[in-house]
C-alpha cells in the first residue's frame, strides 16, 4: 500500500483524486467553510491528496451548483436509514 509521510490518503492520479473528492462530498455533509475543496500533487510522495485550502475544485463546484451533490447526499441518507 502506498503511503505518504504526511499521513494523508494518497491517490495515484489527479482524475482519481477528483472523483474521490466528489464522492466524499456526496457521502458527507460538510459544514460551510470546512471539508476538502480541492486536490494537489504532493511534493513528498508525488501522489495526490485532498486539501481544505484554496479555491474549490472546478468539477466539485459544478457538481454542487447542479444539485448533484445534494441529491447524492439524500440518496446516501436514505440508504443508511433503510439499512437499519
PDB file of N, CA and C in Angstrom:
ATOM      1  N   UNK A   1       0.834  -1.183   0.000  1.00  0.00           N
ATOM      2  CA  UNK A   1       0.000   0.000   0.000  1.00  0.00           C
ATOM      3  C   UNK A   1       0.878   1.245   0.000  1.00  0.00           C
ATOM      4  N   UNK A   2       0.527   2.202  -0.836  1.00  0.00           N
ATOM      5  CA  UNK A   2       1.290   3.442  -0.949  1.00  0.00           C
ATOM      6  C   UNK A   2       0.962   4.339   0.239  1.00  0.00           C
ATOM      7  N   UNK A   3       1.995   4.924   0.811  1.00  0.00           N
ATOM      8  CA  UNK A   3       1.799   5.844   1.929  1.00  0.00           C
ATOM      9  C   UNK A   3       2.572   7.127   1.689  1.00  0.00           C
ATOM     10  N   UNK A   4       2.216   8.137   2.461  1.00  0.00           N
ATOM     11  CA  UNK A   4       2.901   9.430   2.396  1.00  0.00           C
ATOM     12  C   UNK A   4       3.315   9.808   3.806  1.00  0.00           C
ATOM     13  N   UNK A   5       4.428  10.485   3.924  1.00  0.00           N
ATOM     14  CA  UNK A   5       4.891  10.903   5.250  1.00  0.00           C
ATOM     15  C   UNK A   5       3.911  11.873   5.910  1.00  0.00           C
ATOM     16  N   UNK A   6       3.035  12.486   5.114  1.00  0.00           N
ATOM     17  CA  UNK A   6       2.038  13.410   5.670  1.00  0.00           C
ATOM     18  C   UNK A   6       0.928  12.672   6.412  1.00  0.00           C
ATOM     19  N   UNK A   7       0.787  11.356   6.135  1.00  0.00           N
ATOM     20  CA  UNK A   7      -0.290  10.580   6.735  1.00  0.00           C
ATOM     21  C   UNK A   7      -1.603  10.703   5.995  1.00  0.00           C
ATOM     22  N   UNK A   8      -1.641  11.521   4.953  1.00  0.00           N
ATOM     23  CA  UNK A   8      -2.865  11.696   4.174  1.00  0.00           C
ATOM     24  C   UNK A   8      -3.067  10.534   3.218  1.00  0.00           C
ATOM     25  N   UNK A   9      -4.328  10.303   2.877  1.00  0.00           N
ATOM     26  CA  UNK A   9      -4.662   9.277   1.897  1.00  0.00           C
ATOM     27  C   UNK A   9      -4.091   9.694   0.546  1.00  0.00           C
ATOM     28  N   UNK A  10      -3.555   8.751  -0.200  1.00  0.00           N
ATOM     29  CA  UNK A  10      -2.937   9.051  -1.489  1.00  0.00           C
ATOM     30  C   UNK A  10      -3.810   8.550  -2.636  1.00  0.00           C
ATOM     31  N   UNK A  11      -3.776   9.288  -3.729  1.00  0.00           N
ATOM     32  CA  UNK A  11      -4.472   8.924  -4.957  1.00  0.00           C
ATOM     33  C   UNK A  11      -3.456   8.959  -6.084  1.00  0.00           C
ATOM     34  N   UNK A  12      -3.462   7.952  -6.956  1.00  0.00           N
ATOM     35  CA  UNK A  12      -2.414   7.834  -7.978  1.00  0.00           C
ATOM     36  C   UNK A  12      -2.492   8.853  -9.109  1.00  0.00           C
ATOM     37  N   UNK A  13      -3.675   9.470  -9.310  1.00  0.00           N
ATOM     38  CA  UNK A  13      -3.777  10.464 -10.379  1.00  0.00           C
ATOM     39  C   UNK A  13      -4.711  11.587  -9.950  1.00  0.00           C
ATOM     40  N   UNK A  14      -4.613  12.694 -10.644  1.00  0.00           N
ATOM     41  CA  UNK A  14      -5.477  13.830 -10.355  1.00  0.00           C
ATOM     42  C   UNK A  14      -6.943  13.468 -10.612  1.00  0.00           C
ATOM     43  N   UNK A  15      -7.198  12.735 -11.686  1.00  0.00           N
ATOM     44  CA  UNK A  15      -8.562  12.329 -12.036  1.00  0.00           C
ATOM     45  C   UNK A  15      -9.179  11.471 -10.931  1.00  0.00           C
ATOM     46  N   UNK A  16      -8.436  10.502 -10.450  1.00  0.00           N
ATOM     47  CA  UNK A  16      -8.929   9.622  -9.385  1.00  0.00           C
ATOM     48  C   UNK A  16      -9.159  10.427  -8.112  1.00  0.00           C
ATOM     49  N   UNK A  17      -8.254  11.353  -7.806  1.00  0.00           N
ATOM     50  CA  UNK A  17      -8.406  12.191  -6.618  1.00  0.00           C
ATOM     51  C   UNK A  17      -9.651  13.075  -6.730  1.00  0.00           C
ATOM     52  N   UNK A  18      -9.897  13.655  -7.905  1.00  0.00           N
ATOM     53  CA  UNK A  18     -11.087  14.480  -8.105  1.00  0.00           C
ATOM     54  C   UNK A  18     -12.363  13.648  -7.971  1.00  0.00           C
ATOM     55  N   UNK A  19     -12.360  12.443  -8.545  1.00  0.00           N
ATOM     56  CA  UNK A  19     -13.514  11.548  -8.413  1.00  0.00           C
ATOM     57  C   UNK A  19     -13.781  11.247  -6.936  1.00  0.00           C
ATOM     58  N   UNK A  20     -12.727  10.950  -6.183  1.00  0.00           N
ATOM     59  CA  UNK A  20     -12.863  10.643  -4.764  1.00  0.00           C
ATOM     60  C   UNK A  20     -13.339  11.862  -3.978  1.00  0.00           C
ATOM     61  N   UNK A  21     -12.882  13.044  -4.361  1.00  0.00           N
ATOM     62  CA  UNK A  21     -13.313  14.286  -3.713  1.00  0.00           C
ATOM     63  C   UNK A  21     -14.814  14.473  -3.890  1.00  0.00           C
ATOM     64  N   UNK A  22     -15.295  14.276  -5.093  1.00  0.00           N
ATOM     65  CA  UNK A  22     -16.731  14.425  -5.372  1.00  0.00           C
ATOM     66  C   UNK A  22     -17.526  13.352  -4.628  1.00  0.00           C
ATOM     67  N   UNK A  23     -17.015  12.128  -4.595  1.00  0.00           N
ATOM     68  CA  UNK A  23     -17.680  11.053  -3.849  1.00  0.00           C
ATOM     69  C   UNK A  23     -17.735  11.377  -2.358  1.00  0.00           C
ATOM     70  N   UNK A  24     -16.654  11.943  -1.816  1.00  0.00           N
ATOM     71  CA  UNK A  24     -16.620  12.304  -0.395  1.00  0.00           C
ATOM     72  C   UNK A  24     -17.695  13.334  -0.081  1.00  0.00           C
ATOM     73  N   UNK A  25     -17.863  14.290  -0.963  1.00  0.00           N
ATOM     74  CA  UNK A  25     -18.896  15.300  -0.754  1.00  0.00           C
ATOM     75  C   UNK A  25     -20.290  14.684  -0.863  1.00  0.00           C
ATOM     76  N   UNK A  26     -20.455  13.681  -1.699  1.00  0.00           N
ATOM     77  CA  UNK A  26     -21.737  13.004  -1.818  1.00  0.00           C
ATOM     78  C   UNK A  26     -22.076  12.162  -0.598  1.00  0.00           C
ATOM     79  N   UNK A  27     -21.059  11.645   0.079  1.00  0.00           N
ATOM     80  CA  UNK A  27     -21.251  10.816   1.276  1.00  0.00           C
ATOM     81  C   UNK A  27     -21.418  11.637   2.542  1.00  0.00           C
ATOM     82  N   UNK A  28     -20.809  12.809   2.586  1.00  0.00           N
ATOM     83  CA  UNK A  28     -20.750  13.610   3.816  1.00  0.00           C
ATOM     84  C   UNK A  28     -21.422  14.963   3.631  1.00  0.00           C
ATOM     85  N   UNK A  29     -21.901  15.509   4.717  1.00  0.00           N
ATOM     86  CA  UNK A  29     -22.446  16.874   4.714  1.00  0.00           C
ATOM     87  C   UNK A  29     -21.449  17.753   5.462  1.00  0.00           C
ATOM     88  N   UNK A  30     -20.604  18.422   4.713  1.00  0.00           N
ATOM     89  CA  UNK A  30     -19.602  19.269   5.338  1.00  0.00           C
ATOM     90  C   UNK A  30     -20.214  20.615   5.694  1.00  0.00           C
ATOM     91  N   UNK A  31     -19.981  21.102   6.924  1.00  0.00           N
ATOM     92  CA  UNK A  31     -20.453  22.442   7.280  1.00  0.00           C
ATOM     93  C   UNK A  31     -19.774  23.494   6.393  1.00  0.00           C
ATOM     94  N   UNK A  32     -20.435  24.610   6.225  1.00  0.00           N
ATOM     95  CA  UNK A  32     -19.882  25.691   5.391  1.00  0.00           C
ATOM     96  C   UNK A  32     -18.468  26.046   5.855  1.00  0.00           C
ATOM     97  N   UNK A  33     -17.572  26.142   4.900  1.00  0.00           N
ATOM     98  CA  UNK A  33     -16.198  26.527   5.196  1.00  0.00           C
ATOM     99  C   UNK A  33     -15.320  25.398   5.717  1.00  0.00           C
ATOM    100  N   UNK A  34     -15.805  24.153   5.639  1.00  0.00           N
ATOM    101  CA  UNK A  34     -14.972  23.041   6.098  1.00  0.00           C
ATOM    102  C   UNK A  34     -15.012  21.916   5.068  1.00  0.00           C
ATOM    103  N   UNK A  35     -14.188  20.919   5.299  1.00  0.00           N
ATOM    104  CA  UNK A  35     -14.123  19.791   4.381  1.00  0.00           C
ATOM    105  C   UNK A  35     -13.146  20.046   3.251  1.00  0.00           C
ATOM    106  N   UNK A  36     -12.802  18.995   2.534  1.00  0.00           N
ATOM    107  CA  UNK A  36     -11.866  19.141   1.421  1.00  0.00           C
ATOM    108  C   UNK A  36     -12.516  19.890   0.259  1.00  0.00           C
ATOM    109  N   UNK A  37     -11.739  20.732  -0.406  1.00  0.00           N
ATOM    110  CA  UNK A  37     -12.291  21.518  -1.521  1.00  0.00           C
ATOM    111  C   UNK A  37     -11.516  21.334  -2.823  1.00  0.00           C
ATOM    112  N   UNK A  38     -10.349  20.721  -2.743  1.00  0.00           N
ATOM    113  CA  UNK A  38      -9.519  20.590  -3.943  1.00  0.00           C
ATOM    114  C   UNK A  38      -8.534  19.441  -3.752  1.00  0.00           C
ATOM    115  N   UNK A  39      -7.767  19.160  -4.789  1.00  0.00           N
ATOM    116  CA  UNK A  39      -6.703  18.165  -4.737  1.00  0.00           C
ATOM    117  C   UNK A  39      -5.395  18.828  -5.151  1.00  0.00           C
ATOM    118  N   UNK A  40      -4.311  18.246  -4.718  1.00  0.00           N
ATOM    119  CA  UNK A  40      -2.994  18.768  -5.098  1.00  0.00           C
ATOM    120  C   UNK A  40      -1.990  17.632  -5.185  1.00  0.00           C
ATOM    121  N   UNK A  41      -0.942  17.852  -5.954  1.00  0.00           N
ATOM    122  CA  UNK A  41       0.137  16.873  -6.071  1.00  0.00           C
ATOM    123  C   UNK A  41       1.144  17.146  -4.963  1.00  0.00           C
ATOM    124  N   UNK A  42       1.427  16.111  -4.200  1.00  0.00           N
ATOM    125  CA  UNK A  42       2.321  16.223  -3.050  1.00  0.00           C
ATOM    126  C   UNK A  42       3.788  16.241  -3.498  1.00  0.00           C
ATOM    127  N   UNK A  43       4.547  17.173  -2.953  1.00  0.00           N
ATOM    128  CA  UNK A  43       5.978  17.250  -3.250  1.00  0.00           C
ATOM    129  C   UNK A  43       6.764  16.109  -2.603  1.00  0.00           C
ATOM    130  N   UNK A  44       6.220  15.537  -1.532  1.00  0.00           N
ATOM    131  CA  UNK A  44       6.935  14.488  -0.808  1.00  0.00           C
ATOM    132  C   UNK A  44       6.784  13.111  -1.455  1.00  0.00           C
ATOM    133  N   UNK A  45       5.536  12.756  -1.841  1.00  0.00           N
ATOM    134  CA  UNK A  45       5.312  11.396  -2.353  1.00  0.00           C
ATOM    135  C   UNK A  45       5.015  11.356  -3.855  1.00  0.00           C
ATOM    136  N   UNK A  46       4.670  12.502  -4.439  1.00  0.00           N
ATOM    137  CA  UNK A  46       4.380  12.548  -5.866  1.00  0.00           C
ATOM    138  C   UNK A  46       2.967  12.132  -6.235  1.00  0.00           C
ATOM    139  N   UNK A  47       2.157  11.788  -5.229  1.00  0.00           N
ATOM    140  CA  UNK A  47       0.768  11.421  -5.472  1.00  0.00           C
ATOM    141  C   UNK A  47      -0.138  12.593  -5.104  1.00  0.00           C
ATOM    142  N   UNK A  48      -1.432  12.380  -5.199  1.00  0.00           N
ATOM    143  CA  UNK A  48      -2.399  13.451  -4.960  1.00  0.00           C
ATOM    144  C   UNK A  48      -3.112  13.261  -3.627  1.00  0.00           C
ATOM    145  N   UNK A  49      -3.437  14.393  -3.001  1.00  0.00           N
ATOM    146  CA  UNK A  49      -4.149  14.425  -1.733  1.00  0.00           C
ATOM    147  C   UNK A  49      -5.285  15.441  -1.826  1.00  0.00           C
ATOM    148  N   UNK A  50      -6.214  15.356  -0.847  1.00  0.00           N
ATOM    149  CA  UNK A  50      -7.239  16.392  -0.682  1.00  0.00           C
ATOM    150  C   UNK A  50      -6.638  17.550   0.082  1.00  0.00           C
ATOM    151  N   UNK A  51      -7.201  18.740  -0.113  1.00  0.00           N
ATOM    152  CA  UNK A  51      -6.863  19.892   0.704  1.00  0.00           C
ATOM    153  C   UNK A  51      -8.120  20.693   0.997  1.00  0.00           C
ATOM    154  N   UNK A  52      -8.151  21.301   2.156  1.00  0.00           N
ATOM    155  CA  UNK A  52      -9.262  22.190   2.515  1.00  0.00           C
ATOM    156  C   UNK A  52      -8.864  23.645   2.282  1.00  0.00           C
ATOM    157  N   UNK A  53      -7.703  23.850   1.707  1.00  0.00           N
ATOM    158  CA  UNK A  53      -7.166  25.192   1.456  1.00  0.00           C
ATOM    159  C   UNK A  53      -7.394  25.606   0.005  1.00  0.00           C
ATOM    160  N   UNK A  54      -7.484  26.901  -0.224  1.00  0.00           N
ATOM    161  CA  UNK A  54      -7.513  27.423  -1.583  1.00  0.00           C
ATOM    162  C   UNK A  54      -8.878  27.402  -2.245  1.00  0.00           C
ATOM    163  N   UNK A  55      -8.828  27.561  -3.555  1.00  0.00           N
ATOM    164  CA  UNK A  55     -10.027  27.639  -4.386  1.00  0.00           C
ATOM    165  C   UNK A  55     -10.649  26.259  -4.579  1.00  0.00           C
ATOM    166  N   UNK A  56     -11.981  26.214  -4.606  1.00  0.00           N
ATOM    167  CA  UNK A  56     -12.694  24.957  -4.792  1.00  0.00           C
ATOM    168  C   UNK A  56     -12.430  24.394  -6.182  1.00  0.00           C
ATOM    169  N   UNK A  57     -12.251  23.087  -6.244  1.00  0.00           N
ATOM    170  CA  UNK A  57     -12.068  22.363  -7.492  1.00  0.00           C
ATOM    171  C   UNK A  57     -13.231  22.665  -8.439  1.00  0.00           C
ATOM    172  N   UNK A  58     -12.934  22.893  -9.701  1.00  0.00           N
ATOM    173  CA  UNK A  58     -13.953  23.249 -10.685  1.00  0.00           C
ATOM    174  C   UNK A  58     -15.022  22.187 -10.871  1.00  0.00           C
ATOM    175  N   UNK A  59     -14.620  20.924 -10.938  1.00  0.00           N
ATOM    176  CA  UNK A  59     -15.600  19.837 -11.089  1.00  0.00           C
ATOM    177  C   UNK A  59     -16.510  19.751  -9.877  1.00  0.00           C
ATOM    178  N   UNK A  60     -15.923  19.881  -8.691  1.00  0.00           N
ATOM    179  CA  UNK A  60     -16.720  19.843  -7.458  1.00  0.00           C
ATOM    180  C   UNK A  60     -17.711  20.990  -7.434  1.00  0.00           C
ATOM    181  N   UNK A  61     -17.256  22.177  -7.770  1.00  0.00           N
ATOM    182  CA  UNK A  61     -18.129  23.344  -7.803  1.00  0.00           C
ATOM    183  C   UNK A  61     -19.291  23.138  -8.773  1.00  0.00           C
ATOM    184  N   UNK A  62     -19.019  22.589  -9.939  1.00  0.00           N
ATOM    185  CA  UNK A  62     -20.068  22.317 -10.927  1.00  0.00           C
ATOM    186  C   UNK A  62     -21.082  21.311 -10.402  1.00  0.00           C
ATOM    187  N   UNK A  63     -20.604  20.264  -9.723  1.00  0.00           N
ATOM    188  CA  UNK A  63     -21.493  19.243  -9.163  1.00  0.00           C
ATOM    189  C   UNK A  63     -22.389  19.838  -8.073  1.00  0.00           C
ATOM    190  N   UNK A  64     -21.821  20.698  -7.250  1.00  0.00           N
ATOM    191  CA  UNK A  64     -22.602  21.354  -6.199  1.00  0.00           C
ATOM    192  C   UNK A  64     -23.651  22.272  -6.820  1.00  0.00           C
ATOM    193  N   UNK A  65     -23.231  23.105  -7.759  1.00  0.00           N
ATOM    194  CA  UNK A  65     -24.144  24.068  -8.387  1.00  0.00           C
ATOM    195  C   UNK A  65     -25.261  23.397  -9.173  1.00  0.00           C
ATOM    196  N   UNK A  66     -24.991  22.226  -9.726  1.00  0.00           N
ATOM    197  CA  UNK A  66     -26.008  21.491 -10.489  1.00  0.00           C
ATOM    198  C   UNK A  66     -26.966  20.718  -9.576  1.00  0.00           C
ATOM    199  N   UNK A  67     -26.655  20.672  -8.274  1.00  0.00           N
ATOM    200  CA  UNK A  67     -27.516  19.979  -7.327  1.00  0.00           C
ATOM    201  C   UNK A  67     -27.250  18.494  -7.205  1.00  0.00           C
ATOM    202  N   UNK A  68     -26.236  18.008  -7.901  1.00  0.00           N
ATOM    203  CA  UNK A  68     -25.963  16.569  -7.876  1.00  0.00           C
ATOM    204  C   UNK A  68     -25.359  16.102  -6.546  1.00  0.00           C
ATOM    205  N   UNK A  69     -24.600  16.960  -5.887  1.00  0.00           N
ATOM    206  CA  UNK A  69     -24.033  16.594  -4.585  1.00  0.00           C
ATOM    207  C   UNK A  69     -25.157  16.454  -3.562  1.00  0.00           C
ATOM    208  N   UNK A  70     -26.049  17.417  -3.526  1.00  0.00           N
ATOM    209  CA  UNK A  70     -27.181  17.372  -2.591  1.00  0.00           C
ATOM    210  C   UNK A  70     -28.032  16.130  -2.837  1.00  0.00           C
ATOM    211  N   UNK A  71     -28.274  15.812  -4.081  1.00  0.00           N
ATOM    212  CA  UNK A  71     -29.055  14.624  -4.427  1.00  0.00           C
ATOM    213  C   UNK A  71     -28.353  13.354  -3.941  1.00  0.00           C
ATOM    214  N   UNK A  72     -27.042  13.250  -4.143  1.00  0.00           N
ATOM    215  CA  UNK A  72     -26.298  12.076  -3.690  1.00  0.00           C
ATOM    216  C   UNK A  72     -26.309  11.985  -2.172  1.00  0.00           C
ATOM    217  N   UNK A  73     -26.240  13.117  -1.475  1.00  0.00           N
ATOM    218  CA  UNK A  73     -26.308  13.111  -0.017  1.00  0.00           C
ATOM    219  C   UNK A  73     -27.651  12.560   0.454  1.00  0.00           C
ATOM    220  N   UNK A  74     -28.721  12.958  -0.217  1.00  0.00           N
ATOM    221  CA  UNK A  74     -30.048  12.458   0.136  1.00  0.00           C
ATOM    222  C   UNK A  74     -30.170  10.956  -0.128  1.00  0.00           C
ATOM    223  N   UNK A  75     -29.631  10.496  -1.255  1.00  0.00           N
ATOM    224  CA  UNK A  75     -29.639   9.062  -1.562  1.00  0.00           C
ATOM    225  C   UNK A  75     -28.899   8.296  -0.473  1.00  0.00           C
ATOM    226  N   UNK A  76     -27.727   8.762  -0.094  1.00  0.00           N
ATOM    227  CA  UNK A  76     -26.938   8.086   0.935  1.00  0.00           C
ATOM    228  C   UNK A  76     -27.644   8.108   2.286  1.00  0.00           C
ATOM    229  N   UNK A  77     -28.311   9.205   2.605  1.00  0.00           N
ATOM    230  CA  UNK A  77     -29.068   9.303   3.856  1.00  0.00           C
ATOM    231  C   UNK A  77     -30.130   8.211   3.914  1.00  0.00           C
ATOM    232  N   UNK A  78     -30.913   8.095   2.846  1.00  0.00           N
ATOM    233  CA  UNK A  78     -31.988   7.111   2.831  1.00  0.00           C
ATOM    234  C   UNK A  78     -31.461   5.673   2.783  1.00  0.00           C
ATOM    235  N   UNK A  79     -30.361   5.446   2.099  1.00  0.00           N
ATOM    236  CA  UNK A  79     -29.769   4.108   2.098  1.00  0.00           C
ATOM    237  C   UNK A  79     -29.352   3.694   3.496  1.00  0.00           C
ATOM    238  N   UNK A  80     -28.714   4.611   4.227  1.00  0.00           N
ATOM    239  CA  UNK A  80     -28.303   4.312   5.603  1.00  0.00           C
ATOM    240  C   UNK A  80     -29.526   4.084   6.494  1.00  0.00           C
ATOM    241  N   UNK A  81     -30.522   4.918   6.344  1.00  0.00           N
ATOM    242  CA  UNK A  81     -31.730   4.823   7.176  1.00  0.00           C
ATOM    243  C   UNK A  81     -32.474   3.512   6.927  1.00  0.00           C
ATOM    244  N   UNK A  82     -32.584   3.098   5.680  1.00  0.00           N
ATOM    245  CA  UNK A  82     -33.329   1.887   5.357  1.00  0.00           C
ATOM    246  C   UNK A  82     -32.576   0.609   5.686  1.00  0.00           C
ATOM    247  N   UNK A  83     -31.254   0.682   5.863  1.00  0.00           N
ATOM    248  CA  UNK A  83     -30.464  -0.492   6.223  1.00  0.00           C
ATOM    249  C   UNK A  83     -30.657  -0.878   7.685  1.00  0.00           C
ATOM    250  N   UNK A  84     -31.127   0.042   8.498  1.00  0.00           N
ATOM    251  CA  UNK A  84     -31.297  -0.216   9.936  1.00  0.00           C
ATOM    252  C   UNK A  84     -32.448  -1.122  10.213  1.00  0.00           C
TER     253      UNK A  84
END
